[in-house]
Protein backbone atom coordinates (compact mmCIF):
# COMPACT_ATOMS: atom_id res chain seq x y z
CA MET A 1 0.00 0.00 0.00
CA ASN A 2 1.45 3.38 -0.94
CA ARG A 3 1.41 6.32 1.49
CA THR A 4 -1.55 8.11 -0.06
CA ASP A 5 -3.72 5.01 0.19
CA ARG A 6 -2.50 4.38 3.72
CA LEU A 7 -3.38 7.92 4.88
CA TYR A 8 -6.90 7.46 3.61
CA ALA A 9 -7.15 3.99 5.14
CA LEU A 10 -5.92 5.31 8.49
CA VAL A 11 -8.77 7.83 8.60
CA GLU A 12 -11.27 5.11 7.73
CA ALA A 13 -9.86 2.75 10.37
CA LEU A 14 -10.18 5.40 13.08
CA ARG A 15 -13.61 6.46 11.85
CA ALA A 16 -14.87 2.86 12.03
CA VAL A 17 -14.21 2.58 15.77
CA ALA A 18 -14.66 6.22 16.83
CA PRO A 19 -14.81 7.48 19.48
CA ARG A 20 -12.79 4.50 20.80
CA PRO A 21 -9.00 4.82 20.38
CA LEU A 22 -6.62 2.66 18.37
CA SER A 23 -2.99 2.35 19.39
CA ALA A 24 -0.15 3.11 17.00
CA ARG A 25 1.08 -0.46 17.54
CA ARG A 26 -2.23 -1.99 16.39
CA LEU A 27 -2.36 0.32 13.40
CA ALA A 28 1.24 -0.56 12.51
CA GLU A 29 0.40 -4.28 12.63
CA ARG A 30 -2.70 -3.74 10.51
CA PHE A 31 -0.87 -1.83 7.77
CA GLU A 32 2.38 -3.80 8.08
CA VAL A 33 4.60 -0.79 8.69
CA SER A 34 6.59 0.47 11.68
CA VAL A 35 5.06 2.33 14.62
CA ARG A 36 7.23 5.30 13.68
CA THR A 37 5.73 5.35 10.18
CA ILE A 38 2.20 5.30 11.62
CA GLU A 39 3.00 8.13 14.02
CA ARG A 40 4.48 10.15 11.15
CA ASP A 41 1.38 9.53 9.02
CA LEU A 42 -0.96 10.51 11.85
CA SER A 43 1.03 13.68 12.44
CA ALA A 44 0.68 14.55 8.73
CA LEU A 45 -3.08 14.03 8.93
CA GLN A 46 -3.30 16.23 12.02
CA GLN A 47 -1.34 18.98 10.27
CA ALA A 48 -3.74 18.65 7.32
CA GLY A 49 -6.64 19.43 9.64
CA VAL A 50 -8.07 15.95 10.20
CA PRO A 51 -9.47 15.94 13.80
CA ILE A 52 -7.27 13.21 15.31
CA TRP A 53 -5.98 13.38 18.87
CA ALA A 54 -3.96 11.14 21.16
CA GLU A 55 -5.56 9.66 24.28
CA PRO A 56 -2.94 8.80 26.93
CA GLY A 57 -2.88 5.76 29.17
CA ARG A 58 -2.49 1.99 28.92
CA THR A 59 -5.73 1.63 26.95
CA GLY A 60 -5.24 4.86 25.03
CA GLY A 61 -4.32 5.50 21.45
CA TYR A 62 -5.45 7.72 18.60
CA CYS A 63 -9.06 8.88 18.27
CA LEU A 64 -11.04 10.49 15.49
CA ASP A 65 -13.84 12.94 16.26
CA ARG A 66 -16.80 11.55 14.31
CA GLU A 67 -18.81 14.73 14.90
CA HIS A 68 -16.24 16.87 13.14
CA THR A 69 -14.97 14.71 10.30
CA LEU A 70 -14.98 16.18 6.82
CA ALA A 71 -18.25 15.84 4.98
CA PRO A 72 -17.99 13.61 1.88
CA LEU A 73 -17.14 15.56 -1.25
CA GLY A 74 -19.54 15.19 -4.13
CA LEU A 75 -16.77 14.59 -6.64
CA THR A 76 -17.30 12.34 -9.62
CA VAL A 77 -14.69 9.68 -10.38
CA ASP A 78 -13.20 11.87 -13.13
CA GLU A 79 -13.15 14.94 -10.86
CA ALA A 80 -11.41 13.02 -8.07
CA LEU A 81 -8.92 11.70 -10.65
CA ALA A 82 -8.25 15.22 -11.96
CA VAL A 83 -7.59 16.54 -8.46
CA THR A 84 -5.31 13.59 -7.64
CA VAL A 85 -3.30 14.02 -10.86
CA GLY A 86 -3.17 17.81 -10.53
CA LEU A 87 -1.88 17.75 -6.97
CA GLY A 88 0.44 14.86 -7.79
CA ALA A 89 2.04 17.01 -10.48
CA LEU A 90 3.21 19.39 -7.73
CA ALA A 91 5.19 16.71 -5.87
CA ASN A 92 8.56 18.14 -7.00
CA GLY A 93 7.60 21.82 -7.03
CA PRO A 94 7.74 24.56 -4.40
CA PHE A 95 4.20 23.69 -3.27
CA ARG A 96 4.87 19.99 -2.73
CA ASP A 97 4.17 19.93 1.02
CA ALA A 98 0.95 21.93 0.73
CA ALA A 99 -0.13 19.73 -2.21
CA ALA A 100 0.45 16.54 -0.19
CA ARG A 101 -1.64 17.91 2.69
CA ALA A 102 -4.40 19.00 0.35
CA LEU A 103 -4.45 15.60 -1.34
CA GLY A 104 -4.82 13.92 2.05
CA LYS A 105 -7.84 16.12 2.79
CA VAL A 106 -9.45 15.39 -0.57
CA HIS A 107 -8.97 11.63 -0.19
CA ALA A 108 -10.25 11.67 3.40
CA ALA A 109 -13.45 13.42 2.29
CA THR A 110 -14.13 11.55 -0.98
CA ARG A 111 -16.68 8.75 -1.03
CA ASP A 112 -15.04 5.34 -0.76
CA GLU A 113 -16.20 3.82 -4.03
CA ARG A 114 -15.37 6.91 -6.11
CA LEU A 115 -11.95 7.27 -4.53
CA ALA A 116 -11.15 3.62 -5.19
CA GLU A 117 -12.08 4.00 -8.86
CA SER A 118 -10.10 7.21 -9.31
CA LEU A 119 -7.01 5.77 -7.57
CA ALA A 120 -7.16 2.69 -9.77
CA VAL A 121 -6.79 4.93 -12.83
CA ALA A 122 -4.31 7.32 -11.16
CA ARG A 123 -1.89 4.43 -10.57
CA ARG A 124 -1.62 4.09 -14.36
CA ILE A 125 -0.49 7.71 -14.81
CA ALA A 126 3.18 8.65 -14.45
CA PHE A 127 5.21 11.84 -14.77
CA LEU A 128 8.48 11.85 -16.69
CA GLU A 129 10.78 14.21 -14.80
CA PRO A 130 14.46 15.23 -15.03
CA ASP A 131 16.77 13.04 -12.94
CA ASP A 132 19.02 15.96 -11.95
CA GLU A 133 16.33 18.35 -10.74
CA ASP A 134 16.25 18.98 -7.00
CA ALA A 135 12.96 20.00 -5.42
CA PRO A 136 13.06 23.71 -4.49
CA ALA A 137 13.03 24.69 -0.84
CA ASP A 138 9.77 25.69 0.85
CA VAL A 139 11.20 29.16 1.37
CA VAL A 140 10.81 29.77 -2.38
CA ALA A 141 7.04 29.34 -2.15
CA ALA A 142 6.86 31.34 1.07
CA ALA A 143 8.84 34.23 -0.43
CA LEU A 144 6.35 34.68 -3.24
CA ARG A 145 3.43 34.52 -0.82
CA ASP A 146 5.02 36.90 1.67
CA GLY A 147 6.57 39.21 -0.91
CA GLN A 148 10.04 39.12 0.61
CA VAL A 149 13.33 39.83 -1.13
CA LEU A 150 15.50 36.72 -1.41
CA ARG A 151 19.28 36.46 -1.20
CA LEU A 152 20.45 33.51 -3.26
CA ARG A 153 23.49 31.82 -4.72
CA TYR A 154 22.79 30.58 -8.24
CA ARG A 155 24.80 28.51 -10.68
CA ASP A 156 24.21 29.00 -14.39
CA ARG A 157 24.11 26.27 -17.04
CA ASP A 158 27.92 26.23 -17.11
CA GLY A 159 28.10 25.76 -13.34
CA GLU A 160 29.36 29.29 -12.65
CA PRO A 161 28.04 30.62 -9.30
CA SER A 162 26.81 34.14 -8.59
CA ASP A 163 25.24 35.86 -5.59
CA ARG A 164 22.04 37.79 -6.13
CA GLU A 165 19.26 39.62 -4.35
CA VAL A 166 15.98 39.11 -6.15
CA GLU A 167 12.36 40.22 -5.83
CA PRO A 168 10.09 37.19 -6.52
CA LEU A 169 7.41 37.80 -9.15
CA GLY A 170 6.05 34.34 -9.98
CA TYR A 171 6.81 30.94 -11.45
CA VAL A 172 7.01 29.35 -14.86
CA VAL A 173 6.89 25.55 -15.26
CA ARG A 174 8.26 23.79 -18.34
CA ASP A 175 8.41 20.01 -18.75
CA GLY A 176 8.24 19.50 -14.99
CA VAL A 177 11.04 22.03 -14.33
CA TRP A 178 10.19 25.02 -12.13
CA TYR A 179 11.63 28.49 -12.70
CA LEU A 180 11.45 31.32 -10.20
CA VAL A 181 10.75 34.54 -12.10
CA ALA A 182 12.15 37.53 -10.24
CA TRP A 183 13.49 41.04 -10.59
CA CYS A 184 17.25 40.61 -10.29
CA ARG A 185 18.90 43.53 -8.54
CA LEU A 186 22.31 42.52 -9.90
CA ARG A 187 21.18 42.60 -13.55
CA ARG A 188 18.44 45.22 -12.98
CA ALA A 189 16.07 43.15 -15.10
CA VAL A 190 13.57 40.30 -14.88
CA ARG A 191 15.25 36.90 -14.87
CA ALA A 192 14.04 33.28 -14.68
CA PHE A 193 16.02 31.14 -12.20
CA ARG A 194 15.80 27.37 -12.57
CA THR A 195 15.00 26.25 -9.03
CA GLY A 196 17.21 23.17 -9.29
CA ARG A 197 20.21 25.48 -9.81
CA ILE A 198 19.59 27.56 -6.70
CA VAL A 199 22.39 26.49 -4.35
CA THR A 200 21.33 28.44 -1.27
CA LEU A 201 18.70 31.03 -0.54
CA GLU A 202 17.35 32.91 2.43
CA PRO A 203 14.72 35.60 2.96
CA THR A 204 16.16 39.02 3.83
CA GLY A 205 13.10 40.22 5.72
CA GLU A 206 12.77 43.15 3.30
CA GLN A 207 9.42 43.62 1.59
CA ALA A 208 9.81 43.77 -2.17
CA PRO A 209 8.05 46.56 -4.09
CA LEU A 210 4.95 45.43 -5.96
CA ARG A 211 5.79 44.83 -9.61
CA PRO A 212 3.47 43.56 -12.38
CA PHE A 213 3.95 40.02 -13.64
CA ARG A 214 2.55 38.43 -16.76
CA ALA A 215 4.14 35.26 -18.05
CA SER A 216 3.23 36.27 -21.61
CA ASP A 217 5.57 39.28 -21.30
CA LEU A 218 8.62 37.07 -20.75
CA ASP A 219 11.04 36.47 -23.58
CA ILE A 220 10.76 32.66 -23.57
CA PRO A 221 11.44 31.07 -26.98
CA TYR A 222 9.35 28.00 -26.26
CA GLY A 223 5.62 27.32 -26.51
CA THR A 224 2.89 29.58 -25.18
CA THR A 225 2.74 30.67 -21.56
CA ARG A 226 -0.56 30.29 -19.71
CA HIS A 227 -1.41 31.51 -16.23
CA VAL A 228 -2.97 29.03 -13.80
CA VAL A 229 -5.72 31.57 -13.05
CA GLU A 230 -6.62 34.17 -15.63
CA ASP A 231 -7.81 37.66 -14.67
């Protein structure tokens, strides 16, 4: 059983016996994984907003609040599949952690039979991604959200490093590769930084001035750019 299926199954196992608790040891035996893995999965579900709490004591364990569980989503099989594939596509991007949490919420609130059908198809879909592309740090996503100036060390295609301060503007994704689009204070121009080539980066705490960003205005000699949400 993969982790996504196990997260959903954990919620269902706790829901079936709620409000009685289940110990991490019993859950580990049921899913044939270590207690540490179960505790890590339960922690991820808690962080995703699933109402699970620990009950101490010899007969304690983990409980699910049946009165406050997520209402079933009225997604069709195709809609559940689209959400699963869409969020799965973000697994190596700057929003990977948020996408994993969101997927756990969707699966926990999707009707059993529809989720099973959509997962059966989703397992036949794969992403072809570059082997040498490192997932960008969470701070990249946070910087765009918070509007902070970033200080980064970047290596170009020839491996030459440079130190920059940049004002994040947005992202462009091409063939599974993420680029941070930013105003580069060194070059005094908009530049696209391949996230896998960012060696180090840190927020400076300085708020960047608000600058317009339209992907269609970039000089990218490849395909047609399209915003995720159009104005």
